[in-house]
N, C-alpha and C. Protein backbone atom coordinates (compact mmCIF):
# COMPACT_ATOMS: atom_id res chain seq x y z
N MET A 1 0.84 -1.21 0.00
CA MET A 1 0.00 0.00 0.00
C MET A 1 0.87 1.25 0.00
N HIS A 2 1.93 1.22 0.82
CA HIS A 2 2.81 2.37 0.91
C HIS A 2 3.50 2.64 -0.42
N ALA A 3 3.92 1.55 -1.11
CA ALA A 3 4.58 1.69 -2.41
C ALA A 3 3.63 2.29 -3.44
N THR A 4 2.35 1.88 -3.36
CA THR A 4 1.35 2.41 -4.29
C THR A 4 1.18 3.91 -4.11
N VAL A 5 1.16 4.32 -2.85
CA VAL A 5 1.01 5.74 -2.55
C VAL A 5 2.21 6.50 -3.11
N GLU A 6 3.40 6.01 -2.97
CA GLU A 6 4.60 6.67 -3.47
C GLU A 6 4.56 6.79 -5.00
N VAL A 7 4.12 5.74 -5.66
CA VAL A 7 4.00 5.78 -7.12
C VAL A 7 2.98 6.83 -7.54
N GLN A 8 1.87 6.87 -6.81
CA GLN A 8 0.83 7.87 -7.07
C GLN A 8 1.39 9.28 -6.96
N ASP A 9 2.17 9.51 -5.94
CA ASP A 9 2.75 10.84 -5.72
C ASP A 9 3.67 11.23 -6.88
N VAL A 10 4.52 10.31 -7.28
CA VAL A 10 5.46 10.58 -8.37
C VAL A 10 4.72 10.89 -9.66
N ILE A 11 3.68 10.10 -9.94
CA ILE A 11 2.89 10.30 -11.16
C ILE A 11 2.23 11.68 -11.16
N LEU A 12 1.66 12.07 -10.03
CA LEU A 12 0.97 13.36 -9.96
C LEU A 12 1.94 14.54 -10.05
N VAL A 13 3.12 14.40 -9.47
CA VAL A 13 4.12 15.46 -9.57
C VAL A 13 4.59 15.60 -11.02
N ILE A 14 4.77 14.47 -11.70
CA ILE A 14 5.16 14.50 -13.12
C ILE A 14 4.05 15.15 -13.95
N MET A 15 2.81 14.80 -13.65
CA MET A 15 1.68 15.40 -14.35
C MET A 15 1.65 16.91 -14.15
N ALA A 16 1.93 17.36 -12.93
CA ALA A 16 1.94 18.80 -12.64
C ALA A 16 3.04 19.49 -13.45
N TYR A 17 4.19 18.84 -13.55
CA TYR A 17 5.29 19.39 -14.36
C TYR A 17 4.88 19.50 -15.82
N LEU A 18 4.26 18.45 -16.35
CA LEU A 18 3.85 18.44 -17.76
C LEU A 18 2.80 19.51 -18.04
N VAL A 19 1.88 19.70 -17.11
CA VAL A 19 0.86 20.75 -17.27
C VAL A 19 1.53 22.12 -17.23
N GLY A 20 2.44 22.31 -16.28
CA GLY A 20 3.15 23.58 -16.17
C GLY A 20 4.03 23.87 -17.38
N SER A 21 4.41 22.81 -18.10
CA SER A 21 5.30 22.97 -19.26
C SER A 21 4.61 23.48 -20.51
N VAL A 22 3.29 23.48 -20.53
CA VAL A 22 2.57 23.91 -21.74
C VAL A 22 2.95 25.36 -22.09
N PRO A 23 3.65 25.58 -23.22
CA PRO A 23 4.13 26.92 -23.58
C PRO A 23 3.11 27.66 -24.43
N SER A 24 2.09 28.18 -23.81
CA SER A 24 0.96 28.78 -24.54
C SER A 24 1.40 29.91 -25.47
N SER A 25 2.30 30.78 -25.00
CA SER A 25 2.72 31.91 -25.84
C SER A 25 3.49 31.45 -27.07
N VAL A 26 4.32 30.42 -26.88
CA VAL A 26 5.11 29.90 -28.00
C VAL A 26 4.20 29.26 -29.03
N TRP A 27 3.29 28.43 -28.58
CA TRP A 27 2.37 27.73 -29.50
C TRP A 27 1.45 28.71 -30.21
N ILE A 28 0.88 29.66 -29.48
CA ILE A 28 -0.03 30.65 -30.09
C ILE A 28 0.74 31.52 -31.09
N GLY A 29 1.92 31.97 -30.70
CA GLY A 29 2.71 32.82 -31.58
C GLY A 29 3.07 32.12 -32.88
N LYS A 30 3.50 30.87 -32.79
CA LYS A 30 3.90 30.12 -33.98
C LYS A 30 2.69 29.75 -34.84
N ARG A 31 1.61 29.32 -34.19
CA ARG A 31 0.45 28.81 -34.92
C ARG A 31 -0.33 29.92 -35.62
N PHE A 32 -0.56 31.04 -34.93
CA PHE A 32 -1.45 32.06 -35.47
C PHE A 32 -0.72 33.30 -36.01
N TYR A 33 0.55 33.50 -35.62
CA TYR A 33 1.25 34.72 -36.04
C TYR A 33 2.57 34.43 -36.75
N GLY A 34 2.95 33.17 -36.81
CA GLY A 34 4.20 32.82 -37.47
C GLY A 34 5.42 33.38 -36.77
N LYS A 35 5.31 33.61 -35.45
CA LYS A 35 6.42 34.16 -34.68
C LYS A 35 6.66 33.33 -33.42
N ASP A 36 7.93 33.22 -33.07
CA ASP A 36 8.29 32.65 -31.78
C ASP A 36 8.61 33.84 -30.89
N VAL A 37 7.77 34.08 -29.88
CA VAL A 37 7.95 35.26 -29.03
C VAL A 37 9.31 35.28 -28.35
N ARG A 38 9.96 34.12 -28.28
CA ARG A 38 11.29 34.05 -27.66
C ARG A 38 12.38 34.65 -28.54
N ASP A 39 12.03 34.99 -29.76
CA ASP A 39 12.98 35.62 -30.68
C ASP A 39 12.73 37.12 -30.83
N HIS A 40 11.79 37.65 -30.07
CA HIS A 40 11.41 39.06 -30.20
C HIS A 40 11.32 39.72 -28.83
N GLY A 41 11.42 41.05 -28.83
CA GLY A 41 11.26 41.82 -27.59
C GLY A 41 12.24 41.40 -26.51
N SER A 42 11.70 41.10 -25.33
CA SER A 42 12.54 40.66 -24.21
C SER A 42 12.93 39.19 -24.33
N LYS A 43 12.36 38.51 -25.33
CA LYS A 43 12.61 37.08 -25.59
C LYS A 43 12.04 36.17 -24.49
N ASN A 44 11.19 36.75 -23.65
CA ASN A 44 10.55 35.96 -22.59
C ASN A 44 9.18 35.49 -23.06
N PRO A 45 8.91 34.18 -23.02
CA PRO A 45 7.61 33.68 -23.47
C PRO A 45 6.52 33.83 -22.41
N GLY A 46 6.26 35.07 -22.06
CA GLY A 46 5.21 35.35 -21.08
C GLY A 46 4.18 36.30 -21.66
N ALA A 47 3.20 36.64 -20.85
CA ALA A 47 2.11 37.49 -21.32
C ALA A 47 2.59 38.90 -21.68
N THR A 48 3.56 39.43 -20.93
CA THR A 48 4.02 40.80 -21.18
C THR A 48 4.71 40.91 -22.53
N ASN A 49 5.62 39.98 -22.81
CA ASN A 49 6.31 40.02 -24.10
C ASN A 49 5.36 39.67 -25.24
N THR A 50 4.37 38.84 -24.95
CA THR A 50 3.35 38.54 -25.96
C THR A 50 2.57 39.80 -26.29
N LEU A 51 2.29 40.61 -25.27
CA LEU A 51 1.60 41.89 -25.46
C LEU A 51 2.41 42.79 -26.39
N ARG A 52 3.69 42.89 -26.12
CA ARG A 52 4.54 43.78 -26.91
C ARG A 52 4.79 43.23 -28.32
N THR A 53 4.82 41.92 -28.44
CA THR A 53 5.17 41.30 -29.72
C THR A 53 3.96 41.01 -30.61
N LEU A 54 2.87 40.53 -29.99
CA LEU A 54 1.71 40.09 -30.77
C LEU A 54 0.47 40.94 -30.57
N GLY A 55 0.35 41.62 -29.42
CA GLY A 55 -0.83 42.44 -29.18
C GLY A 55 -1.62 42.04 -27.95
N LYS A 56 -2.66 42.81 -27.66
CA LYS A 56 -3.42 42.62 -26.42
C LYS A 56 -4.21 41.32 -26.38
N LYS A 57 -4.90 40.99 -27.48
CA LYS A 57 -5.76 39.80 -27.47
C LYS A 57 -4.97 38.52 -27.20
N PRO A 58 -3.90 38.25 -27.97
CA PRO A 58 -3.13 37.04 -27.67
C PRO A 58 -2.48 37.09 -26.29
N ALA A 59 -2.12 38.29 -25.83
CA ALA A 59 -1.52 38.41 -24.50
C ALA A 59 -2.51 38.02 -23.41
N MET A 60 -3.77 38.42 -23.58
CA MET A 60 -4.81 38.06 -22.60
C MET A 60 -5.06 36.55 -22.60
N VAL A 61 -5.02 35.96 -23.80
CA VAL A 61 -5.20 34.50 -23.90
C VAL A 61 -4.06 33.78 -23.21
N VAL A 62 -2.84 34.25 -23.45
CA VAL A 62 -1.66 33.64 -22.83
C VAL A 62 -1.73 33.79 -21.31
N LEU A 63 -2.11 34.97 -20.84
CA LEU A 63 -2.23 35.20 -19.40
C LEU A 63 -3.24 34.24 -18.78
N PHE A 64 -4.39 34.10 -19.44
CA PHE A 64 -5.42 33.20 -18.93
C PHE A 64 -4.94 31.75 -18.91
N LEU A 65 -4.32 31.31 -20.01
CA LEU A 65 -3.87 29.92 -20.11
C LEU A 65 -2.75 29.61 -19.12
N ASP A 66 -1.85 30.56 -18.91
CA ASP A 66 -0.76 30.33 -17.96
C ASP A 66 -1.28 30.27 -16.53
N MET A 67 -2.27 31.10 -16.22
CA MET A 67 -2.89 31.03 -14.90
C MET A 67 -3.67 29.72 -14.76
N LEU A 68 -4.37 29.35 -15.82
CA LEU A 68 -5.17 28.13 -15.79
C LEU A 68 -4.31 26.90 -15.54
N LYS A 69 -3.16 26.84 -16.20
CA LYS A 69 -2.32 25.64 -16.03
C LYS A 69 -1.74 25.58 -14.61
N GLY A 70 -1.47 26.74 -14.01
CA GLY A 70 -1.01 26.74 -12.62
C GLY A 70 -2.09 26.23 -11.68
N TRP A 71 -3.30 26.72 -11.90
CA TRP A 71 -4.44 26.27 -11.08
C TRP A 71 -4.70 24.78 -11.29
N LEU A 72 -4.67 24.34 -12.55
CA LEU A 72 -4.94 22.94 -12.86
C LEU A 72 -3.88 22.02 -12.27
N ALA A 73 -2.63 22.45 -12.32
CA ALA A 73 -1.54 21.62 -11.83
C ALA A 73 -1.72 21.25 -10.36
N VAL A 74 -2.09 22.23 -9.52
CA VAL A 74 -2.26 21.92 -8.10
C VAL A 74 -3.62 21.29 -7.83
N SER A 75 -4.60 21.55 -8.70
CA SER A 75 -5.93 20.97 -8.52
C SER A 75 -5.93 19.47 -8.80
N LEU A 76 -4.92 19.00 -9.51
CA LEU A 76 -4.81 17.57 -9.80
C LEU A 76 -4.58 16.74 -8.53
N VAL A 77 -4.28 17.44 -7.44
CA VAL A 77 -4.08 16.74 -6.16
C VAL A 77 -5.36 16.01 -5.74
N CYS A 78 -6.50 16.45 -6.28
CA CYS A 78 -7.77 15.79 -5.95
C CYS A 78 -7.81 14.35 -6.46
N LEU A 79 -6.89 14.01 -7.36
CA LEU A 79 -6.82 12.64 -7.87
C LEU A 79 -6.10 11.71 -6.89
N SER A 80 -5.49 12.29 -5.87
CA SER A 80 -4.76 11.47 -4.89
C SER A 80 -5.75 10.78 -3.95
N SER A 81 -5.21 9.84 -3.20
CA SER A 81 -6.04 9.10 -2.24
C SER A 81 -6.06 9.75 -0.87
N TYR A 82 -5.38 10.90 -0.74
CA TYR A 82 -5.28 11.55 0.56
C TYR A 82 -6.53 12.37 0.88
N PRO A 83 -6.98 12.34 2.11
CA PRO A 83 -8.16 13.15 2.48
C PRO A 83 -7.85 14.64 2.45
N SER A 84 -8.84 15.44 2.13
CA SER A 84 -8.68 16.89 2.05
C SER A 84 -8.24 17.46 3.40
N GLY A 85 -7.24 18.32 3.37
CA GLY A 85 -6.75 18.95 4.59
C GLY A 85 -5.69 18.17 5.33
N SER A 86 -5.41 16.95 4.89
CA SER A 86 -4.40 16.14 5.57
C SER A 86 -3.00 16.64 5.24
N SER A 87 -2.05 16.37 6.13
CA SER A 87 -0.68 16.82 5.92
C SER A 87 -0.07 16.20 4.67
N THR A 88 -0.36 14.92 4.45
CA THR A 88 0.19 14.24 3.27
C THR A 88 -0.32 14.87 1.98
N ARG A 89 -1.59 15.26 1.97
CA ARG A 89 -2.15 15.91 0.78
C ARG A 89 -1.51 17.29 0.57
N ILE A 90 -1.31 18.03 1.64
CA ILE A 90 -0.68 19.35 1.53
C ILE A 90 0.76 19.21 1.04
N HIS A 91 1.48 18.21 1.56
CA HIS A 91 2.84 17.95 1.10
C HIS A 91 2.87 17.71 -0.41
N LEU A 92 1.95 16.88 -0.86
CA LEU A 92 1.88 16.55 -2.29
C LEU A 92 1.50 17.79 -3.11
N GLU A 93 0.57 18.57 -2.60
CA GLU A 93 0.13 19.78 -3.31
C GLU A 93 1.28 20.76 -3.48
N VAL A 94 2.08 20.92 -2.45
CA VAL A 94 3.23 21.82 -2.52
C VAL A 94 4.24 21.31 -3.54
N ALA A 95 4.50 20.00 -3.52
CA ALA A 95 5.43 19.40 -4.48
C ALA A 95 4.94 19.59 -5.91
N MET A 96 3.63 19.46 -6.11
CA MET A 96 3.05 19.65 -7.44
C MET A 96 3.13 21.11 -7.88
N ALA A 97 2.94 22.01 -6.93
CA ALA A 97 3.03 23.45 -7.24
C ALA A 97 4.44 23.81 -7.71
N ILE A 98 5.45 23.33 -6.99
CA ILE A 98 6.83 23.59 -7.37
C ILE A 98 7.14 22.97 -8.73
N ALA A 99 6.63 21.77 -8.96
CA ALA A 99 6.84 21.08 -10.24
C ALA A 99 6.24 21.89 -11.39
N ALA A 100 5.08 22.49 -11.15
CA ALA A 100 4.42 23.29 -12.19
C ALA A 100 5.22 24.53 -12.54
N VAL A 101 5.78 25.19 -11.52
CA VAL A 101 6.60 26.38 -11.77
C VAL A 101 7.86 26.00 -12.54
N ILE A 102 8.48 24.90 -12.13
CA ILE A 102 9.68 24.42 -12.83
C ILE A 102 9.32 24.08 -14.28
N GLY A 103 8.13 23.50 -14.47
CA GLY A 103 7.69 23.19 -15.82
C GLY A 103 7.54 24.43 -16.68
N HIS A 104 7.03 25.50 -16.10
CA HIS A 104 6.87 26.75 -16.86
C HIS A 104 8.23 27.36 -17.21
N ILE A 105 9.15 27.30 -16.26
CA ILE A 105 10.47 27.89 -16.49
C ILE A 105 11.31 27.02 -17.43
N PHE A 106 11.17 25.70 -17.29
CA PHE A 106 11.92 24.74 -18.12
C PHE A 106 10.94 23.77 -18.79
N PRO A 107 10.19 24.24 -19.79
CA PRO A 107 9.15 23.40 -20.41
C PRO A 107 9.73 22.33 -21.34
N ILE A 108 9.33 21.12 -21.13
CA ILE A 108 9.82 20.01 -21.94
C ILE A 108 9.34 20.12 -23.38
N TYR A 109 8.19 20.80 -23.59
CA TYR A 109 7.62 20.91 -24.94
C TYR A 109 8.27 22.02 -25.78
N ALA A 110 9.12 22.84 -25.16
CA ALA A 110 9.68 23.99 -25.88
C ALA A 110 11.18 24.12 -25.66
N GLY A 111 11.85 22.98 -25.68
CA GLY A 111 13.31 22.99 -25.56
C GLY A 111 13.81 23.52 -24.23
N PHE A 112 12.99 23.44 -23.19
CA PHE A 112 13.35 23.88 -21.84
C PHE A 112 13.67 25.38 -21.77
N ARG A 113 13.13 26.14 -22.74
CA ARG A 113 13.28 27.59 -22.74
C ARG A 113 11.92 28.21 -22.41
N GLY A 114 11.70 28.46 -21.14
CA GLY A 114 10.40 28.93 -20.71
C GLY A 114 10.38 30.34 -20.18
N GLY A 115 9.29 30.68 -19.49
CA GLY A 115 9.09 32.02 -18.97
C GLY A 115 9.54 32.18 -17.54
N LYS A 116 9.06 33.23 -16.91
CA LYS A 116 9.50 33.56 -15.55
C LYS A 116 8.54 33.09 -14.46
N GLY A 117 7.40 32.60 -14.87
CA GLY A 117 6.52 31.91 -13.93
C GLY A 117 5.53 32.73 -13.14
N VAL A 118 5.35 34.00 -13.47
CA VAL A 118 4.47 34.85 -12.66
C VAL A 118 3.00 34.45 -12.80
N ALA A 119 2.51 34.38 -14.03
CA ALA A 119 1.10 34.03 -14.25
C ALA A 119 0.80 32.62 -13.74
N THR A 120 1.73 31.70 -14.00
CA THR A 120 1.56 30.33 -13.51
C THR A 120 1.56 30.30 -12.00
N THR A 121 2.43 31.10 -11.40
CA THR A 121 2.48 31.20 -9.94
C THR A 121 1.16 31.72 -9.39
N LEU A 122 0.60 32.72 -10.06
CA LEU A 122 -0.68 33.26 -9.62
C LEU A 122 -1.78 32.20 -9.70
N GLY A 123 -1.76 31.41 -10.77
CA GLY A 123 -2.73 30.33 -10.89
C GLY A 123 -2.57 29.29 -9.79
N ILE A 124 -1.33 29.03 -9.42
CA ILE A 124 -1.05 28.08 -8.33
C ILE A 124 -1.61 28.62 -7.02
N ILE A 125 -1.36 29.90 -6.76
CA ILE A 125 -1.88 30.51 -5.53
C ILE A 125 -3.40 30.46 -5.52
N MET A 126 -4.00 30.66 -6.70
CA MET A 126 -5.45 30.59 -6.80
C MET A 126 -5.96 29.20 -6.45
N GLY A 127 -5.20 28.18 -6.87
CA GLY A 127 -5.59 26.81 -6.55
C GLY A 127 -5.45 26.49 -5.07
N ILE A 128 -4.47 27.11 -4.43
CA ILE A 128 -4.22 26.86 -3.01
C ILE A 128 -5.13 27.71 -2.13
N SER A 129 -5.26 29.00 -2.48
CA SER A 129 -6.08 29.91 -1.67
C SER A 129 -6.60 31.05 -2.54
N PRO A 130 -7.82 30.95 -3.06
CA PRO A 130 -8.39 32.01 -3.89
C PRO A 130 -8.38 33.39 -3.25
N PRO A 131 -8.69 33.54 -1.95
CA PRO A 131 -8.65 34.88 -1.34
C PRO A 131 -7.26 35.50 -1.38
N VAL A 132 -6.23 34.69 -1.14
CA VAL A 132 -4.86 35.19 -1.19
C VAL A 132 -4.51 35.60 -2.61
N ALA A 133 -4.94 34.80 -3.59
CA ALA A 133 -4.69 35.12 -5.00
C ALA A 133 -5.32 36.47 -5.36
N LEU A 134 -6.53 36.70 -4.89
CA LEU A 134 -7.22 37.97 -5.16
C LEU A 134 -6.43 39.15 -4.59
N LEU A 135 -5.92 39.00 -3.39
CA LEU A 135 -5.13 40.07 -2.77
C LEU A 135 -3.84 40.32 -3.55
N CYS A 136 -3.21 39.25 -4.04
CA CYS A 136 -2.00 39.39 -4.84
C CYS A 136 -2.30 40.12 -6.15
N ILE A 137 -3.46 39.82 -6.74
CA ILE A 137 -3.87 40.49 -7.97
C ILE A 137 -4.08 41.99 -7.73
N VAL A 138 -4.71 42.32 -6.61
CA VAL A 138 -4.93 43.73 -6.26
C VAL A 138 -3.59 44.45 -6.12
N VAL A 139 -2.64 43.82 -5.44
CA VAL A 139 -1.31 44.40 -5.27
C VAL A 139 -0.66 44.61 -6.63
N PHE A 140 -0.76 43.61 -7.50
CA PHE A 140 -0.16 43.70 -8.83
C PHE A 140 -0.68 44.91 -9.59
N TRP A 141 -2.00 45.04 -9.64
CA TRP A 141 -2.59 46.13 -10.42
C TRP A 141 -2.29 47.50 -9.82
N LEU A 142 -2.27 47.60 -8.51
CA LEU A 142 -1.95 48.88 -7.87
C LEU A 142 -0.54 49.32 -8.22
N VAL A 143 0.40 48.38 -8.11
CA VAL A 143 1.80 48.71 -8.41
C VAL A 143 1.97 49.01 -9.89
N LEU A 144 1.30 48.25 -10.75
CA LEU A 144 1.42 48.47 -12.19
C LEU A 144 0.86 49.84 -12.59
N LEU A 145 -0.30 50.18 -12.05
CA LEU A 145 -0.92 51.46 -12.39
C LEU A 145 -0.09 52.65 -11.90
N ILE A 146 0.62 52.45 -10.80
CA ILE A 146 1.45 53.53 -10.26
C ILE A 146 2.80 53.62 -10.96
N SER A 147 3.43 52.47 -11.18
CA SER A 147 4.81 52.46 -11.69
C SER A 147 4.92 52.22 -13.20
N HIS A 148 3.94 51.49 -13.76
CA HIS A 148 3.95 51.08 -15.18
C HIS A 148 5.05 50.05 -15.48
N TYR A 149 5.58 49.43 -14.43
CA TYR A 149 6.57 48.36 -14.60
C TYR A 149 5.91 47.02 -14.28
N VAL A 150 5.74 46.18 -15.30
CA VAL A 150 5.12 44.87 -15.07
C VAL A 150 6.01 44.03 -14.16
N SER A 151 7.31 44.09 -14.39
CA SER A 151 8.24 43.28 -13.59
C SER A 151 8.18 43.67 -12.12
N LEU A 152 8.15 44.96 -11.84
CA LEU A 152 8.07 45.42 -10.45
C LEU A 152 6.75 45.01 -9.82
N ALA A 153 5.66 45.15 -10.56
CA ALA A 153 4.35 44.75 -10.06
C ALA A 153 4.32 43.25 -9.77
N SER A 154 4.92 42.47 -10.65
CA SER A 154 4.96 41.01 -10.47
C SER A 154 5.77 40.64 -9.23
N LEU A 155 6.92 41.26 -9.08
CA LEU A 155 7.79 40.96 -7.95
C LEU A 155 7.13 41.31 -6.62
N ILE A 156 6.51 42.47 -6.55
CA ILE A 156 5.87 42.89 -5.30
C ILE A 156 4.64 42.05 -5.01
N ALA A 157 3.87 41.73 -6.05
CA ALA A 157 2.66 40.93 -5.86
C ALA A 157 3.00 39.54 -5.33
N VAL A 158 3.98 38.88 -5.96
CA VAL A 158 4.36 37.54 -5.51
C VAL A 158 5.04 37.60 -4.14
N SER A 159 5.81 38.65 -3.90
CA SER A 159 6.46 38.80 -2.60
C SER A 159 5.46 39.04 -1.47
N SER A 160 4.27 39.53 -1.83
CA SER A 160 3.24 39.74 -0.80
C SER A 160 2.55 38.43 -0.41
N PHE A 161 2.78 37.38 -1.18
CA PHE A 161 2.15 36.08 -0.93
C PHE A 161 2.37 35.58 0.50
N PRO A 162 3.62 35.53 0.99
CA PRO A 162 3.80 35.06 2.37
C PRO A 162 3.17 35.97 3.41
N LEU A 163 3.11 37.28 3.09
CA LEU A 163 2.48 38.22 4.02
C LEU A 163 1.02 37.85 4.23
N TRP A 164 0.29 37.65 3.13
CA TRP A 164 -1.13 37.29 3.23
C TRP A 164 -1.32 35.91 3.85
N MET A 165 -0.51 34.95 3.42
CA MET A 165 -0.66 33.57 3.90
C MET A 165 -0.33 33.45 5.39
N ASP A 166 0.84 33.97 5.76
CA ASP A 166 1.37 33.70 7.10
C ASP A 166 0.88 34.66 8.18
N TYR A 167 0.55 35.89 7.79
CA TYR A 167 0.18 36.88 8.79
C TYR A 167 -1.29 37.28 8.74
N PHE A 168 -1.83 37.41 7.53
CA PHE A 168 -3.22 37.83 7.40
C PHE A 168 -4.18 36.66 7.62
N PHE A 169 -3.89 35.53 6.95
CA PHE A 169 -4.77 34.36 7.08
C PHE A 169 -4.26 33.36 8.12
N LYS A 170 -3.12 33.66 8.73
CA LYS A 170 -2.58 32.85 9.84
C LYS A 170 -2.41 31.38 9.47
N VAL A 171 -1.88 31.10 8.28
CA VAL A 171 -1.59 29.72 7.89
C VAL A 171 -0.40 29.24 8.71
N THR A 172 -0.53 28.08 9.34
CA THR A 172 0.52 27.60 10.23
C THR A 172 1.14 26.28 9.78
N HIS A 173 0.56 25.65 8.75
CA HIS A 173 1.14 24.38 8.31
C HIS A 173 2.57 24.63 7.81
N PRO A 174 3.56 23.92 8.37
CA PRO A 174 4.97 24.19 8.03
C PRO A 174 5.28 24.17 6.54
N TRP A 175 4.73 23.21 5.81
CA TRP A 175 5.02 23.10 4.38
C TRP A 175 4.47 24.29 3.61
N LEU A 176 3.30 24.75 3.99
CA LEU A 176 2.72 25.91 3.30
C LEU A 176 3.47 27.19 3.65
N VAL A 177 3.94 27.28 4.88
CA VAL A 177 4.72 28.45 5.29
C VAL A 177 6.02 28.49 4.50
N VAL A 178 6.70 27.35 4.42
CA VAL A 178 7.96 27.28 3.66
C VAL A 178 7.71 27.58 2.19
N PHE A 179 6.63 27.00 1.65
CA PHE A 179 6.30 27.22 0.25
C PHE A 179 6.03 28.69 -0.04
N SER A 180 5.33 29.35 0.88
CA SER A 180 5.01 30.77 0.68
C SER A 180 6.27 31.62 0.64
N LEU A 181 7.36 31.13 1.23
CA LEU A 181 8.63 31.85 1.22
C LEU A 181 9.49 31.45 0.02
N VAL A 182 9.39 30.19 -0.39
CA VAL A 182 10.20 29.68 -1.51
C VAL A 182 9.70 30.25 -2.84
N LEU A 183 8.38 30.35 -3.00
CA LEU A 183 7.81 30.80 -4.27
C LEU A 183 8.31 32.19 -4.68
N PRO A 184 8.28 33.18 -3.79
CA PRO A 184 8.81 34.50 -4.17
C PRO A 184 10.29 34.45 -4.53
N VAL A 185 11.06 33.59 -3.85
CA VAL A 185 12.49 33.47 -4.15
C VAL A 185 12.70 32.97 -5.57
N MET A 186 11.89 31.98 -5.98
CA MET A 186 11.99 31.45 -7.33
C MET A 186 11.70 32.53 -8.37
N VAL A 187 10.68 33.35 -8.09
CA VAL A 187 10.32 34.42 -9.02
C VAL A 187 11.39 35.51 -9.03
N LEU A 188 11.97 35.80 -7.88
CA LEU A 188 13.06 36.78 -7.81
C LEU A 188 14.25 36.33 -8.65
N ILE A 189 14.55 35.03 -8.60
CA ILE A 189 15.67 34.50 -9.37
C ILE A 189 15.41 34.63 -10.87
N THR A 190 14.19 34.32 -11.30
CA THR A 190 13.89 34.42 -12.73
C THR A 190 13.82 35.87 -13.21
N HIS A 191 13.67 36.80 -12.26
CA HIS A 191 13.59 38.22 -12.61
C HIS A 191 14.87 38.98 -12.30
N ARG A 192 15.98 38.28 -12.12
CA ARG A 192 17.22 38.96 -11.72
C ARG A 192 17.66 40.01 -12.74
N LYS A 193 17.48 39.73 -14.04
CA LYS A 193 17.85 40.70 -15.06
C LYS A 193 16.93 41.92 -15.01
N ASN A 194 15.64 41.66 -14.74
CA ASN A 194 14.69 42.77 -14.62
C ASN A 194 15.05 43.67 -13.43
N ILE A 195 15.48 43.04 -12.34
CA ILE A 195 15.85 43.79 -11.14
C ILE A 195 17.03 44.71 -11.44
N LEU A 196 18.01 44.19 -12.18
CA LEU A 196 19.16 45.01 -12.55
C LEU A 196 18.74 46.18 -13.42
N ARG A 197 17.82 45.92 -14.37
CA ARG A 197 17.35 47.00 -15.25
C ARG A 197 16.55 48.02 -14.46
N LEU A 198 15.78 47.56 -13.48
CA LEU A 198 15.02 48.49 -12.64
C LEU A 198 15.97 49.39 -11.85
N LEU A 199 17.03 48.81 -11.32
CA LEU A 199 17.99 49.58 -10.54
C LEU A 199 18.71 50.61 -11.42
N LYS A 200 18.91 50.25 -12.69
CA LYS A 200 19.58 51.16 -13.63
C LYS A 200 18.59 52.09 -14.33
N LYS A 201 17.30 51.90 -14.01
CA LYS A 201 16.22 52.67 -14.64
C LYS A 201 16.19 52.46 -16.16
N GLU A 202 16.44 51.21 -16.56
CA GLU A 202 16.45 50.85 -17.97
C GLU A 202 15.30 49.89 -18.32
N GLU A 203 14.46 49.56 -17.35
CA GLU A 203 13.36 48.62 -17.58
C GLU A 203 12.28 49.27 -18.44
N SER A 204 11.70 48.48 -19.34
CA SER A 204 10.64 48.97 -20.22
C SER A 204 9.36 49.21 -19.43
N VAL A 205 8.67 50.30 -19.76
CA VAL A 205 7.40 50.59 -19.11
C VAL A 205 6.26 50.04 -19.97
N THR A 206 5.15 49.74 -19.33
CA THR A 206 3.98 49.20 -20.02
C THR A 206 2.75 50.00 -19.61
N HIS A 207 2.08 50.58 -20.60
CA HIS A 207 0.84 51.32 -20.35
C HIS A 207 -0.32 50.45 -20.88
N ILE A 208 -0.91 49.70 -19.98
CA ILE A 208 -1.93 48.72 -20.34
C ILE A 208 -3.11 49.36 -21.07
N PHE A 209 -3.56 50.51 -20.60
CA PHE A 209 -4.78 51.11 -21.15
C PHE A 209 -4.51 52.17 -22.20
N GLN A 210 -3.25 52.29 -22.61
CA GLN A 210 -2.92 53.29 -23.63
C GLN A 210 -3.03 52.67 -25.02
N ARG A 211 -3.74 53.34 -25.88
CA ARG A 211 -3.90 52.86 -27.25
C ARG A 211 -2.63 53.10 -28.05
N LYS A 212 -2.36 52.14 -28.94
CA LYS A 212 -1.20 52.30 -29.81
C LYS A 212 -1.47 53.41 -30.81
N LYS A 213 -0.42 54.17 -31.11
CA LYS A 213 -0.53 55.23 -32.12
C LYS A 213 -0.59 54.61 -33.51
N SER A 214 -1.52 55.06 -34.30
CA SER A 214 -1.64 54.51 -35.65
C SER A 214 -0.61 55.14 -36.57
């Protein structure tokens, strides 16, 4: 029985990685626009570079799909035999969440050249705690509207995750507490170049509601 449970865990973590690996921006760009977004703009296959390279509509689709795959990856934990709320289920859910982020950053379907994991991370948070995800979204939009830096908004929004989880909602499960601290670190690492550009005041600004000049 114990061996079966271990096999189940491995299978679900692999499934979470494969779901997280779906490169929506790459597939949409190649299929409908004849472009690989990784060869244009910031070369990052995320919603922001999709916006700059392909436009608002495909960017919104990519944002939705990247969030969806993050949510789906952790929601697959319902296929496990563990009861809801149990420590073993939470352990597995955290492992699947990390696997999904790794999948987005190193996607097997796209030569392991992936994005920075922000939208996928948000989807994961939504799967774990919808109220916390909503608060992170509010933080993101406030920072973006004030600064016009998507990278800065993303960094602050994800960094607020442990604040909401550990202090506002008083989550005490050790694995969730650790995860809430590890996730922002992973996003900080993938944004290290953006951080340097922000410090040098060389980061590109994004005006979401500004119409392009014809």
